[in-house]
Amino acid sequence: MKGDLEMNDKKTDGKKVPREEYLYHNTEMLLKKYRDVVWSIEVSTIQAQISFELEMDCKLEEFLEMSYAAGVDLSGTQIQEQMRTLERNKKMLKIIESAIDVLRKRHTDGEECYWVLYYTYLSEKPCKSTEAIINLVCQKTSGMSRKTYFKRKEKAIEALSTILWGFTSKECLPILKEFIG
């Protein structure tokens, strides 16, 4: 079993990257993609609504209400599939937002972790520089240096990772390797 973790390592730019660095449970990568996912969901929702209105000459919400009231079965239709996809994407965002909320409310340094993550990854528009992020975080919490910002960011990502993934998070891999191997 121990070999399985090592066997699936990947070579990137000539360096061996441990499997856990590129796995699905990469919280930092998830956070880096957060704004793109939010944007994509918003655009998809608008496109679905416009497309439906052009095709059916009524609002999607109105159609769904009338369909449900009339007992129409939409199973297997393109409308149902689009709605399912949009709902799944919104649920995924809700899970991330809920985990961030738990981090903010329950972690010892939750407020600071929240603002570091918010200005680094979650705000509607990205900050232009690390210094801009630090300045905004300092307005919400106590002051911090550039070095402290990077330490806090890593700490916040690790804490969020534990909330999202539990014992499959990156920080627990050495424990798992020891236990398995």
N, C-alpha and C. Protein backbone atom coordinates (compact mmCIF):
# COMPACT_ATOMS: atom_id res chain seq x y z
N MET A 1 0.81 -1.19 0.00
CA MET A 1 0.00 0.00 0.00
C MET A 1 0.86 1.26 0.00
N LYS A 2 1.91 1.26 0.81
CA LYS A 2 2.77 2.43 0.88
C LYS A 2 3.30 2.78 -0.51
N GLY A 3 3.64 1.81 -1.28
CA GLY A 3 4.15 2.03 -2.62
C GLY A 3 3.14 2.68 -3.54
N ASP A 4 1.84 2.46 -3.28
CA ASP A 4 0.81 3.06 -4.13
C ASP A 4 0.89 4.57 -4.13
N LEU A 5 1.11 5.16 -2.97
CA LEU A 5 1.20 6.61 -2.91
C LEU A 5 2.43 7.11 -3.65
N GLU A 6 3.53 6.40 -3.49
CA GLU A 6 4.77 6.81 -4.14
C GLU A 6 4.75 6.47 -5.63
N MET A 7 4.13 5.35 -5.98
CA MET A 7 4.13 4.87 -7.35
C MET A 7 3.40 5.83 -8.29
N ASN A 8 2.44 6.55 -7.78
CA ASN A 8 1.66 7.43 -8.62
C ASN A 8 2.18 8.86 -8.62
N ASP A 9 3.42 9.07 -8.19
CA ASP A 9 4.01 10.39 -8.25
C ASP A 9 4.12 10.81 -9.70
N LYS A 10 4.18 12.10 -9.94
CA LYS A 10 4.19 12.65 -11.29
C LYS A 10 5.44 13.49 -11.46
N LYS A 11 6.01 13.49 -12.65
CA LYS A 11 7.17 14.34 -12.91
C LYS A 11 6.69 15.62 -13.57
N THR A 12 7.08 16.76 -12.99
CA THR A 12 6.72 18.06 -13.51
C THR A 12 7.98 18.88 -13.60
N ASP A 13 8.32 19.34 -14.78
CA ASP A 13 9.54 20.12 -15.01
C ASP A 13 10.78 19.42 -14.47
N GLY A 14 10.82 18.11 -14.63
CA GLY A 14 11.97 17.34 -14.19
C GLY A 14 11.97 17.00 -12.71
N LYS A 15 11.05 17.60 -11.93
CA LYS A 15 10.98 17.32 -10.50
C LYS A 15 9.88 16.31 -10.24
N LYS A 16 10.13 15.45 -9.27
CA LYS A 16 9.12 14.48 -8.86
C LYS A 16 8.15 15.17 -7.90
N VAL A 17 6.88 15.22 -8.29
CA VAL A 17 5.86 15.85 -7.47
C VAL A 17 5.03 14.76 -6.82
N PRO A 18 4.95 14.76 -5.49
CA PRO A 18 4.15 13.73 -4.81
C PRO A 18 2.71 13.76 -5.29
N ARG A 19 2.11 12.61 -5.31
CA ARG A 19 0.75 12.44 -5.80
C ARG A 19 -0.23 13.41 -5.14
N GLU A 20 -0.06 13.62 -3.83
CA GLU A 20 -0.99 14.48 -3.11
C GLU A 20 -0.94 15.93 -3.59
N GLU A 21 0.14 16.33 -4.27
CA GLU A 21 0.26 17.70 -4.76
C GLU A 21 -0.67 17.97 -5.93
N TYR A 22 -1.05 16.96 -6.68
CA TYR A 22 -1.87 17.20 -7.86
C TYR A 22 -3.22 16.48 -7.81
N LEU A 23 -3.55 15.92 -6.68
CA LEU A 23 -4.83 15.22 -6.53
C LEU A 23 -6.01 16.18 -6.48
N TYR A 24 -7.19 15.63 -6.61
CA TYR A 24 -8.44 16.37 -6.54
C TYR A 24 -8.54 17.18 -5.24
N HIS A 25 -8.06 16.68 -4.16
CA HIS A 25 -8.18 17.35 -2.87
C HIS A 25 -7.15 18.44 -2.68
N ASN A 26 -6.82 19.13 -3.72
CA ASN A 26 -5.88 20.24 -3.65
C ASN A 26 -6.69 21.51 -3.37
N THR A 27 -6.79 21.88 -2.12
CA THR A 27 -7.63 22.99 -1.69
C THR A 27 -7.16 24.31 -2.29
N GLU A 28 -5.86 24.50 -2.38
CA GLU A 28 -5.36 25.75 -2.95
C GLU A 28 -5.78 25.88 -4.41
N MET A 29 -5.71 24.79 -5.17
CA MET A 29 -6.14 24.83 -6.57
C MET A 29 -7.64 25.14 -6.65
N LEU A 30 -8.41 24.52 -5.77
CA LEU A 30 -9.85 24.77 -5.71
C LEU A 30 -10.11 26.26 -5.45
N LEU A 31 -9.40 26.84 -4.51
CA LEU A 31 -9.57 28.25 -4.21
C LEU A 31 -9.15 29.14 -5.38
N LYS A 32 -8.07 28.76 -6.06
CA LYS A 32 -7.62 29.54 -7.22
C LYS A 32 -8.66 29.54 -8.33
N LYS A 33 -9.43 28.48 -8.44
CA LYS A 33 -10.45 28.37 -9.49
C LYS A 33 -11.81 28.93 -9.05
N TYR A 34 -11.95 29.31 -7.79
CA TYR A 34 -13.23 29.71 -7.24
C TYR A 34 -13.91 30.82 -8.05
N ARG A 35 -13.20 31.90 -8.31
CA ARG A 35 -13.79 33.02 -9.06
C ARG A 35 -14.25 32.58 -10.44
N ASP A 36 -13.45 31.74 -11.11
CA ASP A 36 -13.83 31.25 -12.44
C ASP A 36 -15.10 30.41 -12.38
N VAL A 37 -15.21 29.58 -11.34
CA VAL A 37 -16.39 28.72 -11.19
C VAL A 37 -17.63 29.58 -10.93
N VAL A 38 -17.50 30.56 -10.05
CA VAL A 38 -18.63 31.46 -9.77
C VAL A 38 -19.06 32.17 -11.05
N TRP A 39 -18.11 32.67 -11.77
CA TRP A 39 -18.39 33.36 -13.04
C TRP A 39 -19.07 32.42 -14.03
N SER A 40 -18.55 31.24 -14.16
CA SER A 40 -19.10 30.25 -15.08
C SER A 40 -20.54 29.89 -14.73
N ILE A 41 -20.82 29.72 -13.45
CA ILE A 41 -22.18 29.39 -13.01
C ILE A 41 -23.13 30.55 -13.31
N GLU A 42 -22.69 31.76 -13.05
CA GLU A 42 -23.52 32.93 -13.32
C GLU A 42 -23.83 33.03 -14.82
N VAL A 43 -22.81 32.85 -15.64
CA VAL A 43 -22.99 32.93 -17.09
C VAL A 43 -23.90 31.81 -17.58
N SER A 44 -23.68 30.60 -17.09
CA SER A 44 -24.51 29.45 -17.49
C SER A 44 -25.98 29.66 -17.12
N THR A 45 -26.21 30.22 -15.95
CA THR A 45 -27.58 30.48 -15.50
C THR A 45 -28.25 31.49 -16.42
N ILE A 46 -27.55 32.57 -16.70
CA ILE A 46 -28.10 33.60 -17.59
C ILE A 46 -28.35 33.04 -18.98
N GLN A 47 -27.39 32.28 -19.51
CA GLN A 47 -27.56 31.68 -20.84
C GLN A 47 -28.75 30.74 -20.89
N ALA A 48 -28.91 29.93 -19.84
CA ALA A 48 -30.04 28.99 -19.81
C ALA A 48 -31.36 29.75 -19.77
N GLN A 49 -31.42 30.81 -18.99
CA GLN A 49 -32.65 31.59 -18.89
C GLN A 49 -32.97 32.28 -20.21
N ILE A 50 -31.99 32.89 -20.83
CA ILE A 50 -32.20 33.58 -22.11
C ILE A 50 -32.61 32.60 -23.19
N SER A 51 -31.88 31.49 -23.26
CA SER A 51 -32.19 30.46 -24.26
C SER A 51 -33.62 29.96 -24.10
N PHE A 52 -34.00 29.71 -22.86
CA PHE A 52 -35.34 29.20 -22.60
C PHE A 52 -36.39 30.25 -22.97
N GLU A 53 -36.17 31.49 -22.59
CA GLU A 53 -37.13 32.55 -22.90
C GLU A 53 -37.31 32.73 -24.39
N LEU A 54 -36.22 32.63 -25.15
CA LEU A 54 -36.30 32.77 -26.60
C LEU A 54 -37.07 31.60 -27.22
N GLU A 55 -36.82 30.41 -26.69
CA GLU A 55 -37.46 29.21 -27.22
C GLU A 55 -38.93 29.09 -26.83
N MET A 56 -39.24 29.38 -25.57
CA MET A 56 -40.57 29.10 -25.05
C MET A 56 -41.43 30.36 -24.86
N ASP A 57 -40.84 31.52 -25.06
CA ASP A 57 -41.56 32.78 -24.95
C ASP A 57 -42.14 33.01 -23.54
N CYS A 58 -41.47 32.51 -22.52
CA CYS A 58 -41.83 32.80 -21.13
C CYS A 58 -40.59 32.57 -20.27
N LYS A 59 -40.64 33.07 -19.05
CA LYS A 59 -39.50 32.90 -18.14
C LYS A 59 -39.42 31.45 -17.65
N LEU A 60 -38.20 30.99 -17.44
CA LEU A 60 -37.96 29.62 -16.99
C LEU A 60 -38.67 29.34 -15.68
N GLU A 61 -38.56 30.26 -14.73
CA GLU A 61 -39.20 30.07 -13.42
C GLU A 61 -40.72 29.89 -13.57
N GLU A 62 -41.33 30.73 -14.43
CA GLU A 62 -42.77 30.64 -14.66
C GLU A 62 -43.14 29.28 -15.25
N PHE A 63 -42.35 28.85 -16.23
CA PHE A 63 -42.61 27.56 -16.87
C PHE A 63 -42.53 26.42 -15.86
N LEU A 64 -41.49 26.45 -15.05
CA LEU A 64 -41.32 25.38 -14.05
C LEU A 64 -42.47 25.37 -13.06
N GLU A 65 -42.88 26.54 -12.60
CA GLU A 65 -44.02 26.62 -11.67
C GLU A 65 -45.28 26.05 -12.31
N MET A 66 -45.54 26.46 -13.56
CA MET A 66 -46.74 25.96 -14.26
C MET A 66 -46.66 24.45 -14.49
N SER A 67 -45.46 23.98 -14.84
CA SER A 67 -45.28 22.55 -15.10
C SER A 67 -45.52 21.72 -13.85
N TYR A 68 -44.94 22.16 -12.74
CA TYR A 68 -45.12 21.43 -11.49
C TYR A 68 -46.58 21.47 -11.03
N ALA A 69 -47.21 22.64 -11.18
CA ALA A 69 -48.61 22.79 -10.80
C ALA A 69 -49.51 21.87 -11.64
N ALA A 70 -49.15 21.72 -12.91
CA ALA A 70 -49.95 20.89 -13.82
C ALA A 70 -49.56 19.41 -13.71
N GLY A 71 -48.51 19.11 -12.96
CA GLY A 71 -48.08 17.72 -12.80
C GLY A 71 -47.32 17.17 -14.00
N VAL A 72 -46.71 18.06 -14.78
CA VAL A 72 -45.95 17.64 -15.95
C VAL A 72 -44.64 17.01 -15.50
N ASP A 73 -44.32 15.86 -16.06
CA ASP A 73 -43.08 15.16 -15.73
C ASP A 73 -41.99 15.62 -16.70
N LEU A 74 -40.97 16.27 -16.18
CA LEU A 74 -39.87 16.78 -17.01
C LEU A 74 -38.68 15.83 -17.05
N SER A 75 -38.85 14.62 -16.53
CA SER A 75 -37.77 13.63 -16.50
C SER A 75 -37.22 13.38 -17.89
N GLY A 76 -35.89 13.40 -17.96
CA GLY A 76 -35.22 13.07 -19.21
C GLY A 76 -35.20 14.20 -20.23
N THR A 77 -35.74 15.35 -19.90
CA THR A 77 -35.75 16.46 -20.85
C THR A 77 -34.48 17.29 -20.71
N GLN A 78 -34.20 18.07 -21.72
CA GLN A 78 -33.03 18.94 -21.70
C GLN A 78 -33.17 19.98 -20.58
N ILE A 79 -34.39 20.43 -20.35
CA ILE A 79 -34.64 21.40 -19.27
C ILE A 79 -34.22 20.81 -17.94
N GLN A 80 -34.63 19.58 -17.68
CA GLN A 80 -34.30 18.93 -16.42
C GLN A 80 -32.78 18.78 -16.29
N GLU A 81 -32.13 18.40 -17.37
CA GLU A 81 -30.69 18.20 -17.34
C GLU A 81 -29.96 19.52 -17.06
N GLN A 82 -30.39 20.61 -17.69
CA GLN A 82 -29.78 21.91 -17.44
C GLN A 82 -29.98 22.33 -15.98
N MET A 83 -31.20 22.14 -15.49
CA MET A 83 -31.51 22.51 -14.11
C MET A 83 -30.68 21.67 -13.13
N ARG A 84 -30.52 20.41 -13.43
CA ARG A 84 -29.73 19.52 -12.56
C ARG A 84 -28.27 19.97 -12.52
N THR A 85 -27.72 20.31 -13.67
CA THR A 85 -26.33 20.77 -13.75
C THR A 85 -26.14 22.06 -12.97
N LEU A 86 -27.05 23.01 -13.16
CA LEU A 86 -26.96 24.28 -12.44
C LEU A 86 -27.07 24.05 -10.93
N GLU A 87 -27.98 23.20 -10.52
CA GLU A 87 -28.15 22.92 -9.09
C GLU A 87 -26.92 22.24 -8.50
N ARG A 88 -26.34 21.30 -9.25
CA ARG A 88 -25.13 20.60 -8.77
C ARG A 88 -23.99 21.60 -8.59
N ASN A 89 -23.82 22.52 -9.54
CA ASN A 89 -22.77 23.52 -9.44
C ASN A 89 -23.00 24.45 -8.26
N LYS A 90 -24.25 24.87 -8.06
CA LYS A 90 -24.57 25.74 -6.93
C LYS A 90 -24.34 25.02 -5.60
N LYS A 91 -24.65 23.74 -5.55
CA LYS A 91 -24.42 22.96 -4.32
C LYS A 91 -22.93 22.86 -4.01
N MET A 92 -22.12 22.69 -5.06
CA MET A 92 -20.68 22.61 -4.87
C MET A 92 -20.17 23.92 -4.25
N LEU A 93 -20.64 25.05 -4.78
CA LEU A 93 -20.24 26.34 -4.22
C LEU A 93 -20.73 26.48 -2.78
N LYS A 94 -21.91 26.01 -2.51
CA LYS A 94 -22.48 26.09 -1.16
C LYS A 94 -21.62 25.30 -0.16
N ILE A 95 -21.13 24.15 -0.59
CA ILE A 95 -20.26 23.34 0.27
C ILE A 95 -18.98 24.13 0.61
N ILE A 96 -18.39 24.75 -0.40
CA ILE A 96 -17.17 25.53 -0.18
C ILE A 96 -17.47 26.71 0.74
N GLU A 97 -18.55 27.43 0.46
CA GLU A 97 -18.91 28.59 1.27
C GLU A 97 -19.23 28.19 2.72
N SER A 98 -19.88 27.05 2.90
CA SER A 98 -20.19 26.57 4.24
C SER A 98 -18.92 26.22 5.01
N ALA A 99 -17.98 25.58 4.32
CA ALA A 99 -16.70 25.23 4.95
C ALA A 99 -15.93 26.48 5.35
N ILE A 100 -15.96 27.49 4.51
CA ILE A 100 -15.29 28.75 4.82
C ILE A 100 -15.97 29.42 6.02
N ASP A 101 -17.29 29.33 6.08
CA ASP A 101 -18.04 29.89 7.20
C ASP A 101 -17.69 29.18 8.51
N VAL A 102 -17.57 27.85 8.45
CA VAL A 102 -17.17 27.08 9.64
C VAL A 102 -15.77 27.50 10.07
N LEU A 103 -14.87 27.63 9.13
CA LEU A 103 -13.51 28.07 9.42
C LEU A 103 -13.54 29.42 10.13
N ARG A 104 -14.30 30.34 9.59
CA ARG A 104 -14.38 31.69 10.16
C ARG A 104 -14.93 31.68 11.58
N LYS A 105 -15.97 30.89 11.82
CA LYS A 105 -16.64 30.91 13.12
C LYS A 105 -15.98 30.02 14.16
N ARG A 106 -15.35 28.92 13.75
CA ARG A 106 -14.89 27.93 14.73
C ARG A 106 -13.38 27.85 14.95
N HIS A 107 -12.60 28.25 13.96
CA HIS A 107 -11.14 28.15 14.08
C HIS A 107 -10.63 29.22 15.04
N THR A 108 -9.57 28.91 15.75
CA THR A 108 -8.97 29.85 16.70
C THR A 108 -8.67 31.20 16.05
N ASP A 109 -8.09 31.17 14.87
CA ASP A 109 -7.77 32.40 14.13
C ASP A 109 -8.70 32.55 12.93
N GLY A 110 -9.94 32.15 13.11
CA GLY A 110 -10.90 32.09 12.02
C GLY A 110 -11.13 33.38 11.28
N GLU A 111 -11.25 34.47 12.01
CA GLU A 111 -11.53 35.76 11.35
C GLU A 111 -10.36 36.15 10.45
N GLU A 112 -9.17 36.00 10.97
CA GLU A 112 -7.98 36.33 10.17
C GLU A 112 -7.86 35.39 8.97
N CYS A 113 -8.07 34.10 9.20
CA CYS A 113 -8.03 33.12 8.11
C CYS A 113 -9.05 33.48 7.03
N TYR A 114 -10.24 33.84 7.48
CA TYR A 114 -11.30 34.19 6.54
C TYR A 114 -10.88 35.35 5.65
N TRP A 115 -10.40 36.44 6.23
CA TRP A 115 -10.05 37.62 5.44
C TRP A 115 -8.86 37.35 4.51
N VAL A 116 -7.92 36.56 4.97
CA VAL A 116 -6.79 36.19 4.09
C VAL A 116 -7.31 35.43 2.88
N LEU A 117 -8.16 34.43 3.11
CA LEU A 117 -8.73 33.67 1.99
C LEU A 117 -9.64 34.53 1.13
N TYR A 118 -10.45 35.34 1.77
CA TYR A 118 -11.40 36.17 1.03
C TYR A 118 -10.69 37.08 0.03
N TYR A 119 -9.73 37.85 0.51
CA TYR A 119 -9.06 38.80 -0.39
C TYR A 119 -8.10 38.12 -1.36
N THR A 120 -7.62 36.94 -0.99
CA THR A 120 -6.71 36.23 -1.88
C THR A 120 -7.46 35.48 -2.98
N TYR A 121 -8.59 34.85 -2.64
CA TYR A 121 -9.25 33.95 -3.59
C TYR A 121 -10.74 34.21 -3.84
N LEU A 122 -11.46 34.77 -2.89
CA LEU A 122 -12.92 34.73 -2.95
C LEU A 122 -13.61 36.03 -3.33
N SER A 123 -12.96 37.15 -3.14
CA SER A 123 -13.60 38.42 -3.45
C SER A 123 -13.98 38.47 -4.93
N GLU A 124 -15.00 39.28 -5.22
CA GLU A 124 -15.52 39.33 -6.59
C GLU A 124 -14.42 39.68 -7.60
N LYS A 125 -13.60 40.64 -7.26
CA LYS A 125 -12.49 41.03 -8.14
C LYS A 125 -11.18 40.76 -7.42
N PRO A 126 -10.22 40.17 -8.12
CA PRO A 126 -8.94 39.87 -7.47
C PRO A 126 -8.15 41.14 -7.16
N CYS A 127 -7.39 41.09 -6.10
CA CYS A 127 -6.51 42.21 -5.75
C CYS A 127 -5.34 42.24 -6.73
N LYS A 128 -4.80 43.41 -6.92
CA LYS A 128 -3.72 43.59 -7.90
C LYS A 128 -2.38 43.05 -7.42
N SER A 129 -2.19 42.98 -6.10
CA SER A 129 -0.90 42.54 -5.58
C SER A 129 -1.05 41.95 -4.18
N THR A 130 -0.01 41.28 -3.75
CA THR A 130 0.03 40.75 -2.40
C THR A 130 -0.06 41.89 -1.39
N GLU A 131 0.61 43.00 -1.67
CA GLU A 131 0.58 44.15 -0.76
C GLU A 131 -0.85 44.68 -0.62
N ALA A 132 -1.60 44.71 -1.71
CA ALA A 132 -3.00 45.17 -1.65
C ALA A 132 -3.83 44.23 -0.76
N ILE A 133 -3.59 42.93 -0.89
CA ILE A 133 -4.30 41.95 -0.05
C ILE A 133 -3.95 42.20 1.42
N ILE A 134 -2.66 42.34 1.70
CA ILE A 134 -2.21 42.56 3.08
C ILE A 134 -2.85 43.83 3.65
N ASN A 135 -2.89 44.90 2.88
CA ASN A 135 -3.50 46.15 3.34
C ASN A 135 -4.98 45.96 3.67
N LEU A 136 -5.70 45.24 2.82
CA LEU A 136 -7.12 45.00 3.07
C LEU A 136 -7.34 44.10 4.29
N VAL A 137 -6.50 43.07 4.43
CA VAL A 137 -6.60 42.19 5.60
C VAL A 137 -6.31 42.98 6.87
N CYS A 138 -5.33 43.87 6.81
CA CYS A 138 -4.96 44.68 7.99
C CYS A 138 -6.09 45.62 8.40
N GLN A 139 -6.92 46.02 7.46
CA GLN A 139 -8.08 46.87 7.81
C GLN A 139 -9.12 46.08 8.61
N LYS A 140 -9.13 44.75 8.45
CA LYS A 140 -10.11 43.90 9.13
C LYS A 140 -9.55 43.24 10.39
N THR A 141 -8.24 43.09 10.44
CA THR A 141 -7.60 42.41 11.57
C THR A 141 -6.39 43.22 12.00
N SER A 142 -5.53 42.61 12.81
CA SER A 142 -4.29 43.30 13.21
C SER A 142 -3.31 43.31 12.04
N GLY A 143 -2.32 44.15 12.12
CA GLY A 143 -1.32 44.26 11.06
C GLY A 143 -0.55 42.98 10.83
N MET A 144 0.00 42.86 9.64
CA MET A 144 0.82 41.69 9.33
C MET A 144 1.85 42.02 8.26
N SER A 145 2.98 41.34 8.35
CA SER A 145 4.04 41.52 7.37
C SER A 145 3.78 40.60 6.18
N ARG A 146 4.55 40.77 5.15
CA ARG A 146 4.43 39.92 3.96
C ARG A 146 4.68 38.45 4.33
N LYS A 147 5.72 38.23 5.14
CA LYS A 147 6.07 36.86 5.56
C LYS A 147 4.91 36.25 6.37
N THR A 148 4.34 37.05 7.28
CA THR A 148 3.22 36.57 8.08
C THR A 148 2.01 36.24 7.20
N TYR A 149 1.77 37.08 6.19
CA TYR A 149 0.65 36.84 5.27
C TYR A 149 0.78 35.44 4.65
N PHE A 150 1.95 35.10 4.15
CA PHE A 150 2.13 33.80 3.50
C PHE A 150 1.97 32.64 4.48
N LYS A 151 2.44 32.84 5.71
CA LYS A 151 2.25 31.81 6.74
C LYS A 151 0.77 31.64 7.07
N ARG A 152 0.08 32.77 7.20
CA ARG A 152 -1.36 32.73 7.52
C ARG A 152 -2.16 32.12 6.37
N LYS A 153 -1.76 32.43 5.17
CA LYS A 153 -2.45 31.87 4.00
C LYS A 153 -2.32 30.36 3.99
N GLU A 154 -1.12 29.87 4.21
CA GLU A 154 -0.89 28.41 4.25
C GLU A 154 -1.69 27.77 5.39
N LYS A 155 -1.69 28.41 6.53
CA LYS A 155 -2.44 27.91 7.69
C LYS A 155 -3.94 27.87 7.38
N ALA A 156 -4.45 28.91 6.75
CA ALA A 156 -5.88 28.99 6.42
C ALA A 156 -6.26 27.92 5.40
N ILE A 157 -5.40 27.69 4.42
CA ILE A 157 -5.67 26.66 3.40
C ILE A 157 -5.66 25.28 4.04
N GLU A 158 -4.71 25.02 4.93
CA GLU A 158 -4.64 23.72 5.61
C GLU A 158 -5.88 23.49 6.48
N ALA A 159 -6.31 24.54 7.18
CA ALA A 159 -7.49 24.42 8.03
C ALA A 159 -8.74 24.17 7.18
N LEU A 160 -8.88 24.91 6.09
CA LEU A 160 -10.02 24.72 5.19
C LEU A 160 -9.98 23.33 4.57
N SER A 161 -8.80 22.88 4.22
CA SER A 161 -8.63 21.54 3.65
C SER A 161 -9.14 20.47 4.61
N THR A 162 -8.81 20.63 5.87
CA THR A 162 -9.26 19.67 6.88
C THR A 162 -10.79 19.68 6.99
N ILE A 163 -11.38 20.86 6.92
CA ILE A 163 -12.84 20.96 6.99
C ILE A 163 -13.48 20.31 5.76
N LEU A 164 -12.94 20.59 4.58
CA LEU A 164 -13.52 20.06 3.34
C LEU A 164 -13.31 18.56 3.16
N TRP A 165 -12.09 18.11 3.41
CA TRP A 165 -11.74 16.74 3.04
C TRP A 165 -11.53 15.82 4.24
N GLY A 166 -11.49 16.36 5.42
CA GLY A 166 -11.28 15.53 6.60
C GLY A 166 -9.90 14.90 6.60
N PHE A 167 -9.85 13.61 6.89
CA PHE A 167 -8.56 12.92 7.02
C PHE A 167 -7.89 12.60 5.70
N THR A 168 -8.50 12.98 4.59
CA THR A 168 -7.83 12.78 3.31
C THR A 168 -7.04 14.03 2.93
N SER A 169 -7.03 15.02 3.80
CA SER A 169 -6.34 16.26 3.48
C SER A 169 -4.83 16.05 3.46
N LYS A 170 -4.16 16.97 2.81
CA LYS A 170 -2.72 16.90 2.61
C LYS A 170 -1.95 16.77 3.92
N GLU A 171 -2.38 17.48 4.95
CA GLU A 171 -1.65 17.46 6.21
C GLU A 171 -1.71 16.11 6.90
N CYS A 172 -2.68 15.27 6.53
CA CYS A 172 -2.84 13.96 7.18
C CYS A 172 -2.14 12.84 6.41
N LEU A 173 -1.62 13.13 5.22
CA LEU A 173 -0.98 12.09 4.42
C LEU A 173 0.20 11.41 5.12
N PRO A 174 1.08 12.15 5.82
CA PRO A 174 2.16 11.46 6.53
C PRO A 174 1.64 10.47 7.57
N ILE A 175 0.57 10.83 8.24
CA ILE A 175 -0.04 9.93 9.24
C ILE A 175 -0.57 8.68 8.53
N LEU A 176 -1.25 8.89 7.41
CA LEU A 176 -1.80 7.75 6.64
C LEU A 176 -0.68 6.85 6.13
N LYS A 177 0.40 7.45 5.62
CA LYS A 177 1.53 6.66 5.12
C LYS A 177 2.13 5.80 6.25
N GLU A 178 2.26 6.41 7.43
CA GLU A 178 2.81 5.68 8.57
C GLU A 178 1.89 4.56 8.98
N PHE A 179 0.61 4.81 9.00
CA PHE A 179 -0.38 3.83 9.40
C PHE A 179 -0.44 2.66 8.39
N ILE A 180 -0.42 2.98 7.11
CA ILE A 180 -0.53 1.96 6.05
C ILE A 180 0.78 1.17 5.92
N GLY A 181 1.87 1.90 5.99
CA GLY A 181 3.12 1.31 5.62
C GLY A 181 3.88 0.64 6.66
